[in-house]
Amino acid sequence: MSVRKQWTRINMSKRLSHKCPRCTSPSVKRDSVGIWDCAKCGYRFTGGAYIPTTRVGQASQRIR
């Protein structure tokens, strides 16, 4: 995959609305690198740089 296509795919996924882990509303937006903010309930959490949840984060949640 070319670099231009990768950059486009990452930017599109970064700007999408994602589900909030607290209220499950699709209103989570990226605030800055790794910091995500829910517009509905005000929940602020850390996650991946371009998506709110990463595979490593999901695995650590299963271990707890």
Protein backbone atom coordinates (compact mmCIF):
# COMPACT_ATOMS: atom_id res chain seq x y z
CA MET A 1 0.00 0.00 0.00
CA SER A 2 1.37 3.39 -0.92
CA VAL A 3 2.20 6.01 1.67
CA ARG A 4 -0.45 8.35 0.31
CA LYS A 5 -3.16 5.70 0.71
CA GLN A 6 -1.99 4.88 4.25
CA TRP A 7 -2.06 8.56 5.21
CA THR A 8 -5.58 8.95 3.78
CA ARG A 9 -6.84 5.85 5.62
CA ILE A 10 -5.35 7.04 8.94
CA ASN A 11 -6.77 10.55 8.58
CA MET A 12 -10.22 9.23 7.73
CA SER A 13 -10.29 6.91 10.77
CA LYS A 14 -8.92 9.66 13.02
CA ARG A 15 -11.69 12.10 12.13
CA LEU A 16 -14.60 9.67 12.48
CA SER A 17 -16.87 9.74 15.50
CA HIS A 18 -16.16 6.77 17.76
CA LYS A 19 -18.20 5.17 20.54
CA CYS A 20 -17.71 6.43 24.07
CA PRO A 21 -16.67 3.66 26.51
CA ARG A 22 -18.80 5.23 29.27
CA CYS A 23 -22.08 6.29 27.59
CA THR A 24 -21.72 4.32 24.29
CA SER A 25 -22.74 7.40 22.31
CA PRO A 26 -20.96 7.85 18.97
CA SER A 27 -19.64 11.28 19.95
CA VAL A 28 -15.97 10.70 20.77
CA LYS A 29 -13.55 12.95 18.93
CA ARG A 30 -9.77 13.20 19.10
CA ASP A 31 -8.56 16.12 21.22
CA SER A 32 -4.85 15.64 20.65
CA VAL A 33 -2.46 12.74 20.08
CA GLY A 34 -3.72 9.89 22.26
CA ILE A 35 -6.34 11.97 24.12
CA TRP A 36 -10.02 11.41 23.29
CA ASP A 37 -13.02 13.40 24.48
CA CYS A 38 -16.73 12.55 24.49
CA ALA A 39 -18.86 15.54 23.51
CA LYS A 40 -21.99 14.12 25.17
CA CYS A 41 -20.90 13.06 28.66
CA GLY A 42 -17.55 14.88 28.89
CA TYR A 43 -15.55 11.70 29.51
CA ARG A 44 -11.89 12.19 28.61
CA PHE A 45 -9.59 9.22 28.24
CA THR A 46 -6.35 8.08 26.67
CA GLY A 47 -6.09 5.70 23.77
CA GLY A 48 -4.22 5.24 20.55
CA ALA A 49 -2.82 8.09 18.50
CA TYR A 50 -5.33 7.66 15.66
CA ILE A 51 -8.06 5.41 17.13
CA PRO A 52 -9.43 5.38 20.69
CA THR A 53 -8.72 1.70 21.37
CA THR A 54 -5.69 -0.33 20.38
CA ARG A 55 -5.18 -4.09 20.33
CA VAL A 56 -2.76 -3.84 23.26
CA GLY A 57 -5.29 -1.81 25.25
CA GLN A 58 -8.06 -4.31 24.55
CA ALA A 59 -5.81 -7.17 25.67
CA SER A 60 -4.96 -5.38 28.92
CA GLN A 61 -8.68 -4.84 29.61
CA ARG A 62 -9.32 -8.58 29.22
CA ILE A 63 -6.54 -9.41 31.69
CA ARG A 64 -7.96 -7.26 34.47
